Amino acid sequence: MKDQMEQRVEETASEQTEWMKANLSLNGDQLEDVREINHKYVEKREEVFMEEESAENKWEELEENWNEQMEELEDVLDANQYAKLQTVKNQWYNEMRLRWQTDTRHEKDDGMEDDDY
C-alpha cells in the first residue's frame, strides 16, 4: 500500500510540475524548487487522505496544506507567474470543494447506518 501511495505522490507531483513548467514558463532554478515543493505537499495531502479523521477535519487540513504550498511557491515564482497560478488554483479549489462535498469516499466509515442516529 505504501508503494502505491509513493507512486501516486510521484505521479501527481510530476503532473503538477509539468503543468506549471508548461503554463508558467518556469526557468531551470524555478523548476527544481517547484518540483520539491509540489512533491512535499502532494505527500502531505496523501497522508491526510489516509488519516482516520472526519471529512470536515480532512478538508481543513487540505486547505491549510494548499495555503502553505502557495506561500512557498510565491517565494519561487515571479509576480506574473504567481498571479496566473493563483487564478488557476482558485478554479481548482472550487472544483475540488464541490467534488469533496458530493463524494463520500473520503469520509470515515463509523459502521453506523443513517438510521442509527
N, C-alpha and C. Protein backbone atom coordinates (compact mmCIF):
# COMPACT_ATOMS: atom_id res chain seq x y z
N MET A 1 0.82 -1.19 0.00
CA MET A 1 0.00 0.00 0.00
C MET A 1 0.87 1.26 0.00
N LYS A 2 1.96 1.22 0.76
CA LYS A 2 2.86 2.37 0.80
C LYS A 2 3.48 2.61 -0.57
N ASP A 3 3.82 1.54 -1.28
CA ASP A 3 4.38 1.70 -2.62
C ASP A 3 3.38 2.38 -3.56
N GLN A 4 2.10 2.02 -3.43
CA GLN A 4 1.07 2.66 -4.25
C GLN A 4 0.96 4.14 -3.92
N MET A 5 1.03 4.46 -2.63
CA MET A 5 0.95 5.85 -2.22
C MET A 5 2.15 6.63 -2.76
N GLU A 6 3.33 6.06 -2.65
CA GLU A 6 4.53 6.72 -3.16
C GLU A 6 4.44 6.93 -4.67
N GLN A 7 3.90 5.95 -5.36
CA GLN A 7 3.74 6.08 -6.81
C GLN A 7 2.75 7.19 -7.15
N ARG A 8 1.62 7.25 -6.41
CA ARG A 8 0.64 8.33 -6.62
C ARG A 8 1.26 9.69 -6.35
N VAL A 9 2.06 9.78 -5.29
CA VAL A 9 2.71 11.04 -4.95
C VAL A 9 3.63 11.46 -6.09
N GLU A 10 4.45 10.54 -6.56
CA GLU A 10 5.38 10.85 -7.65
C GLU A 10 4.64 11.30 -8.91
N GLU A 11 3.59 10.55 -9.26
CA GLU A 11 2.84 10.87 -10.48
C GLU A 11 2.14 12.22 -10.36
N THR A 12 1.49 12.45 -9.24
CA THR A 12 0.74 13.70 -9.06
C THR A 12 1.68 14.89 -9.01
N ALA A 13 2.77 14.77 -8.25
CA ALA A 13 3.74 15.87 -8.16
C ALA A 13 4.36 16.15 -9.53
N SER A 14 4.64 15.10 -10.27
CA SER A 14 5.21 15.27 -11.61
C SER A 14 4.22 15.96 -12.55
N GLU A 15 2.95 15.55 -12.49
CA GLU A 15 1.93 16.18 -13.33
C GLU A 15 1.78 17.67 -12.99
N GLN A 16 1.76 17.98 -11.70
CA GLN A 16 1.64 19.38 -11.29
C GLN A 16 2.84 20.19 -11.79
N THR A 17 4.01 19.62 -11.62
CA THR A 17 5.23 20.32 -12.02
C THR A 17 5.27 20.53 -13.53
N GLU A 18 4.89 19.51 -14.28
CA GLU A 18 4.89 19.64 -15.74
C GLU A 18 3.87 20.68 -16.20
N TRP A 19 2.70 20.70 -15.54
CA TRP A 19 1.71 21.71 -15.88
C TRP A 19 2.28 23.11 -15.62
N MET A 20 2.91 23.27 -14.48
CA MET A 20 3.46 24.58 -14.12
C MET A 20 4.61 24.96 -15.06
N LYS A 21 5.42 24.00 -15.43
CA LYS A 21 6.51 24.26 -16.37
C LYS A 21 5.95 24.79 -17.69
N ALA A 22 4.93 24.13 -18.20
CA ALA A 22 4.36 24.50 -19.49
C ALA A 22 3.56 25.79 -19.43
N ASN A 23 2.79 25.98 -18.37
CA ASN A 23 1.85 27.10 -18.31
C ASN A 23 2.40 28.35 -17.62
N LEU A 24 3.46 28.18 -16.85
CA LEU A 24 4.04 29.33 -16.16
C LEU A 24 5.44 29.67 -16.67
N SER A 25 5.91 28.92 -17.66
CA SER A 25 7.24 29.15 -18.26
C SER A 25 8.33 29.22 -17.19
N LEU A 26 8.42 28.15 -16.41
CA LEU A 26 9.43 28.10 -15.34
C LEU A 26 10.83 28.04 -15.92
N ASN A 27 11.78 28.69 -15.26
CA ASN A 27 13.18 28.54 -15.65
C ASN A 27 13.77 27.34 -14.89
N GLY A 28 15.00 27.00 -15.17
CA GLY A 28 15.62 25.82 -14.58
C GLY A 28 15.65 25.81 -13.06
N ASP A 29 16.04 26.93 -12.46
CA ASP A 29 16.08 27.01 -11.00
C ASP A 29 14.69 26.89 -10.40
N GLN A 30 13.74 27.57 -11.02
CA GLN A 30 12.36 27.50 -10.54
C GLN A 30 11.83 26.07 -10.64
N LEU A 31 12.15 25.41 -11.72
CA LEU A 31 11.65 24.06 -11.95
C LEU A 31 12.05 23.12 -10.82
N GLU A 32 13.30 23.17 -10.43
CA GLU A 32 13.76 22.29 -9.34
C GLU A 32 13.08 22.64 -8.02
N ASP A 33 12.97 23.93 -7.72
CA ASP A 33 12.30 24.34 -6.48
C ASP A 33 10.83 23.94 -6.49
N VAL A 34 10.16 24.17 -7.60
CA VAL A 34 8.74 23.83 -7.73
C VAL A 34 8.55 22.32 -7.60
N ARG A 35 9.42 21.55 -8.21
CA ARG A 35 9.33 20.09 -8.12
C ARG A 35 9.39 19.64 -6.65
N GLU A 36 10.33 20.19 -5.90
CA GLU A 36 10.47 19.83 -4.49
C GLU A 36 9.25 20.24 -3.67
N ILE A 37 8.76 21.45 -3.91
CA ILE A 37 7.59 21.94 -3.18
C ILE A 37 6.37 21.08 -3.50
N ASN A 38 6.14 20.82 -4.77
CA ASN A 38 4.99 20.01 -5.16
C ASN A 38 5.05 18.62 -4.54
N HIS A 39 6.20 18.00 -4.58
CA HIS A 39 6.34 16.66 -4.00
C HIS A 39 6.03 16.69 -2.51
N LYS A 40 6.57 17.66 -1.82
CA LYS A 40 6.37 17.79 -0.37
C LYS A 40 4.88 17.88 -0.03
N TYR A 41 4.15 18.71 -0.78
CA TYR A 41 2.75 18.93 -0.44
C TYR A 41 1.81 17.86 -0.98
N VAL A 42 2.15 17.24 -2.07
CA VAL A 42 1.34 16.11 -2.53
C VAL A 42 1.45 14.98 -1.51
N GLU A 43 2.65 14.77 -1.00
CA GLU A 43 2.86 13.74 0.02
C GLU A 43 2.04 14.05 1.28
N LYS A 44 2.03 15.31 1.70
CA LYS A 44 1.24 15.70 2.86
C LYS A 44 -0.25 15.46 2.62
N ARG A 45 -0.72 15.78 1.41
CA ARG A 45 -2.15 15.56 1.11
C ARG A 45 -2.50 14.08 1.12
N GLU A 46 -1.63 13.25 0.59
CA GLU A 46 -1.88 11.81 0.62
C GLU A 46 -1.98 11.32 2.06
N GLU A 47 -1.14 11.84 2.92
CA GLU A 47 -1.19 11.45 4.34
C GLU A 47 -2.51 11.87 4.97
N VAL A 48 -3.02 13.04 4.60
CA VAL A 48 -4.31 13.49 5.12
C VAL A 48 -5.41 12.52 4.71
N PHE A 49 -5.38 12.08 3.46
CA PHE A 49 -6.41 11.15 2.98
C PHE A 49 -6.38 9.83 3.74
N MET A 50 -5.23 9.45 4.26
CA MET A 50 -5.09 8.18 4.96
C MET A 50 -5.51 8.28 6.43
N GLU A 51 -5.65 9.48 6.95
CA GLU A 51 -5.97 9.67 8.36
C GLU A 51 -7.40 9.24 8.67
N GLU A 52 -7.59 8.85 9.91
CA GLU A 52 -8.92 8.49 10.41
C GLU A 52 -9.55 9.74 11.01
N GLU A 53 -9.91 10.65 10.17
CA GLU A 53 -10.50 11.92 10.59
C GLU A 53 -11.84 12.10 9.89
N SER A 54 -12.61 13.03 10.40
CA SER A 54 -13.87 13.36 9.73
C SER A 54 -13.56 14.08 8.42
N ALA A 55 -14.51 14.06 7.52
CA ALA A 55 -14.34 14.74 6.24
C ALA A 55 -14.07 16.22 6.45
N GLU A 56 -14.75 16.82 7.40
CA GLU A 56 -14.56 18.25 7.68
C GLU A 56 -13.14 18.53 8.16
N ASN A 57 -12.62 17.70 9.05
CA ASN A 57 -11.25 17.89 9.54
C ASN A 57 -10.23 17.68 8.42
N LYS A 58 -10.49 16.69 7.57
CA LYS A 58 -9.59 16.46 6.44
C LYS A 58 -9.59 17.67 5.52
N TRP A 59 -10.77 18.20 5.23
CA TRP A 59 -10.85 19.35 4.33
C TRP A 59 -10.08 20.53 4.92
N GLU A 60 -10.21 20.77 6.21
CA GLU A 60 -9.49 21.87 6.85
C GLU A 60 -7.98 21.67 6.73
N GLU A 61 -7.51 20.44 6.92
CA GLU A 61 -6.09 20.15 6.76
C GLU A 61 -5.64 20.37 5.32
N LEU A 62 -6.47 19.96 4.37
CA LEU A 62 -6.13 20.14 2.96
C LEU A 62 -6.05 21.62 2.61
N GLU A 63 -6.99 22.41 3.11
CA GLU A 63 -6.96 23.86 2.86
C GLU A 63 -5.67 24.48 3.40
N GLU A 64 -5.33 24.10 4.61
CA GLU A 64 -4.10 24.61 5.22
C GLU A 64 -2.89 24.21 4.39
N ASN A 65 -2.90 22.97 3.94
CA ASN A 65 -1.82 22.44 3.12
C ASN A 65 -1.68 23.24 1.82
N TRP A 66 -2.80 23.49 1.13
CA TRP A 66 -2.76 24.26 -0.12
C TRP A 66 -2.24 25.67 0.12
N ASN A 67 -2.68 26.29 1.21
CA ASN A 67 -2.23 27.65 1.51
C ASN A 67 -0.73 27.69 1.78
N GLU A 68 -0.23 26.72 2.51
CA GLU A 68 1.21 26.65 2.78
C GLU A 68 1.99 26.44 1.48
N GLN A 69 1.48 25.58 0.62
CA GLN A 69 2.14 25.33 -0.65
C GLN A 69 2.19 26.61 -1.49
N MET A 70 1.09 27.33 -1.52
CA MET A 70 1.06 28.57 -2.29
C MET A 70 2.03 29.60 -1.72
N GLU A 71 2.17 29.66 -0.41
CA GLU A 71 3.13 30.58 0.20
C GLU A 71 4.55 30.25 -0.24
N GLU A 72 4.88 28.96 -0.25
CA GLU A 72 6.22 28.57 -0.68
C GLU A 72 6.43 28.85 -2.16
N LEU A 73 5.41 28.60 -2.96
CA LEU A 73 5.53 28.86 -4.39
C LEU A 73 5.65 30.35 -4.69
N GLU A 74 5.03 31.18 -3.88
CA GLU A 74 5.12 32.62 -4.07
C GLU A 74 6.57 33.10 -3.96
N ASP A 75 7.36 32.43 -3.13
CA ASP A 75 8.77 32.79 -2.98
C ASP A 75 9.61 32.38 -4.18
N VAL A 76 9.11 31.46 -4.99
CA VAL A 76 9.86 30.93 -6.13
C VAL A 76 9.45 31.59 -7.44
N LEU A 77 8.18 31.89 -7.58
CA LEU A 77 7.65 32.42 -8.84
C LEU A 77 7.73 33.94 -8.88
N ASP A 78 7.76 34.48 -10.10
CA ASP A 78 7.67 35.94 -10.21
C ASP A 78 6.20 36.34 -10.07
N ALA A 79 5.94 37.62 -10.00
CA ALA A 79 4.58 38.12 -9.73
C ALA A 79 3.57 37.66 -10.78
N ASN A 80 3.94 37.69 -12.05
CA ASN A 80 3.02 37.26 -13.11
C ASN A 80 2.73 35.77 -13.04
N GLN A 81 3.76 34.98 -12.81
CA GLN A 81 3.58 33.53 -12.70
C GLN A 81 2.67 33.20 -11.51
N TYR A 82 2.92 33.87 -10.40
CA TYR A 82 2.13 33.59 -9.20
C TYR A 82 0.68 34.01 -9.39
N ALA A 83 0.45 35.14 -10.03
CA ALA A 83 -0.93 35.60 -10.27
C ALA A 83 -1.68 34.59 -11.14
N LYS A 84 -1.02 34.09 -12.16
CA LYS A 84 -1.66 33.09 -13.03
C LYS A 84 -1.95 31.82 -12.25
N LEU A 85 -1.00 31.37 -11.45
CA LEU A 85 -1.20 30.17 -10.65
C LEU A 85 -2.33 30.38 -9.64
N GLN A 86 -2.39 31.54 -9.04
CA GLN A 86 -3.44 31.84 -8.06
C GLN A 86 -4.82 31.75 -8.71
N THR A 87 -4.96 32.26 -9.92
CA THR A 87 -6.23 32.20 -10.63
C THR A 87 -6.64 30.75 -10.89
N VAL A 88 -5.70 29.96 -11.38
CA VAL A 88 -5.98 28.56 -11.67
C VAL A 88 -6.24 27.79 -10.38
N LYS A 89 -5.46 28.07 -9.36
CA LYS A 89 -5.64 27.40 -8.07
C LYS A 89 -7.04 27.65 -7.52
N ASN A 90 -7.53 28.87 -7.66
CA ASN A 90 -8.87 29.18 -7.18
C ASN A 90 -9.93 28.37 -7.93
N GLN A 91 -9.74 28.21 -9.24
CA GLN A 91 -10.67 27.39 -10.03
C GLN A 91 -10.61 25.93 -9.58
N TRP A 92 -9.39 25.41 -9.43
CA TRP A 92 -9.21 24.03 -8.98
C TRP A 92 -9.83 23.84 -7.59
N TYR A 93 -9.57 24.80 -6.73
CA TYR A 93 -10.07 24.73 -5.36
C TYR A 93 -11.59 24.64 -5.36
N ASN A 94 -12.25 25.48 -6.13
CA ASN A 94 -13.71 25.47 -6.17
C ASN A 94 -14.24 24.15 -6.73
N GLU A 95 -13.58 23.62 -7.76
CA GLU A 95 -13.99 22.33 -8.32
C GLU A 95 -13.78 21.21 -7.30
N MET A 96 -12.64 21.24 -6.62
CA MET A 96 -12.33 20.22 -5.63
C MET A 96 -13.31 20.28 -4.46
N ARG A 97 -13.63 21.47 -4.04
CA ARG A 97 -14.58 21.65 -2.93
C ARG A 97 -15.93 21.05 -3.30
N LEU A 98 -16.38 21.29 -4.51
CA LEU A 98 -17.65 20.74 -4.97
C LEU A 98 -17.60 19.21 -5.00
N ARG A 99 -16.51 18.66 -5.56
CA ARG A 99 -16.37 17.20 -5.59
C ARG A 99 -16.32 16.63 -4.18
N TRP A 100 -15.60 17.32 -3.30
CA TRP A 100 -15.46 16.85 -1.92
C TRP A 100 -16.82 16.78 -1.24
N GLN A 101 -17.66 17.75 -1.50
CA GLN A 101 -18.98 17.80 -0.88
C GLN A 101 -19.91 16.72 -1.42
N THR A 102 -19.68 16.25 -2.64
CA THR A 102 -20.58 15.27 -3.24
C THR A 102 -20.02 13.85 -3.25
N ASP A 103 -18.76 13.68 -2.87
CA ASP A 103 -18.11 12.37 -2.89
C ASP A 103 -17.89 11.90 -1.46
N THR A 104 -18.42 10.76 -1.11
CA THR A 104 -18.32 10.28 0.27
C THR A 104 -17.15 9.32 0.49
N ARG A 105 -16.33 9.08 -0.52
CA ARG A 105 -15.22 8.13 -0.36
C ARG A 105 -14.22 8.58 0.69
N HIS A 106 -14.10 9.88 0.92
CA HIS A 106 -13.14 10.41 1.86
C HIS A 106 -13.64 10.36 3.30
N GLU A 107 -14.91 10.03 3.48
CA GLU A 107 -15.48 10.03 4.82
C GLU A 107 -15.11 8.77 5.58
N LYS A 108 -14.93 8.94 6.86
CA LYS A 108 -14.62 7.82 7.74
C LYS A 108 -15.87 6.98 7.92
N ASP A 109 -15.74 5.68 7.75
CA ASP A 109 -16.86 4.77 7.94
C ASP A 109 -16.89 4.38 9.40
N ASP A 110 -17.92 4.84 10.11
CA ASP A 110 -18.01 4.53 11.53
C ASP A 110 -18.85 3.29 11.80
N GLY A 111 -19.30 2.64 10.73
CA GLY A 111 -20.06 1.41 10.87
C GLY A 111 -21.52 1.63 11.21
N MET A 112 -21.94 2.87 11.30
CA MET A 112 -23.33 3.16 11.65
C MET A 112 -24.10 3.53 10.40
N GLU A 113 -25.32 3.10 10.35
CA GLU A 113 -26.22 3.48 9.27
C GLU A 113 -26.86 4.81 9.63
N ASP A 114 -27.38 5.52 8.64
CA ASP A 114 -28.02 6.80 8.89
C ASP A 114 -29.13 6.71 9.92
N ASP A 115 -29.88 5.60 9.91
CA ASP A 115 -31.00 5.49 10.84
C ASP A 115 -30.56 5.06 12.24
N ASP A 116 -29.25 4.88 12.47
CA ASP A 116 -28.74 4.55 13.80
C ASP A 116 -28.62 5.78 14.69
N TYR A 117 -28.80 6.96 14.15
CA TYR A 117 -28.61 8.18 14.93
C TYR A 117 -29.82 8.53 15.71
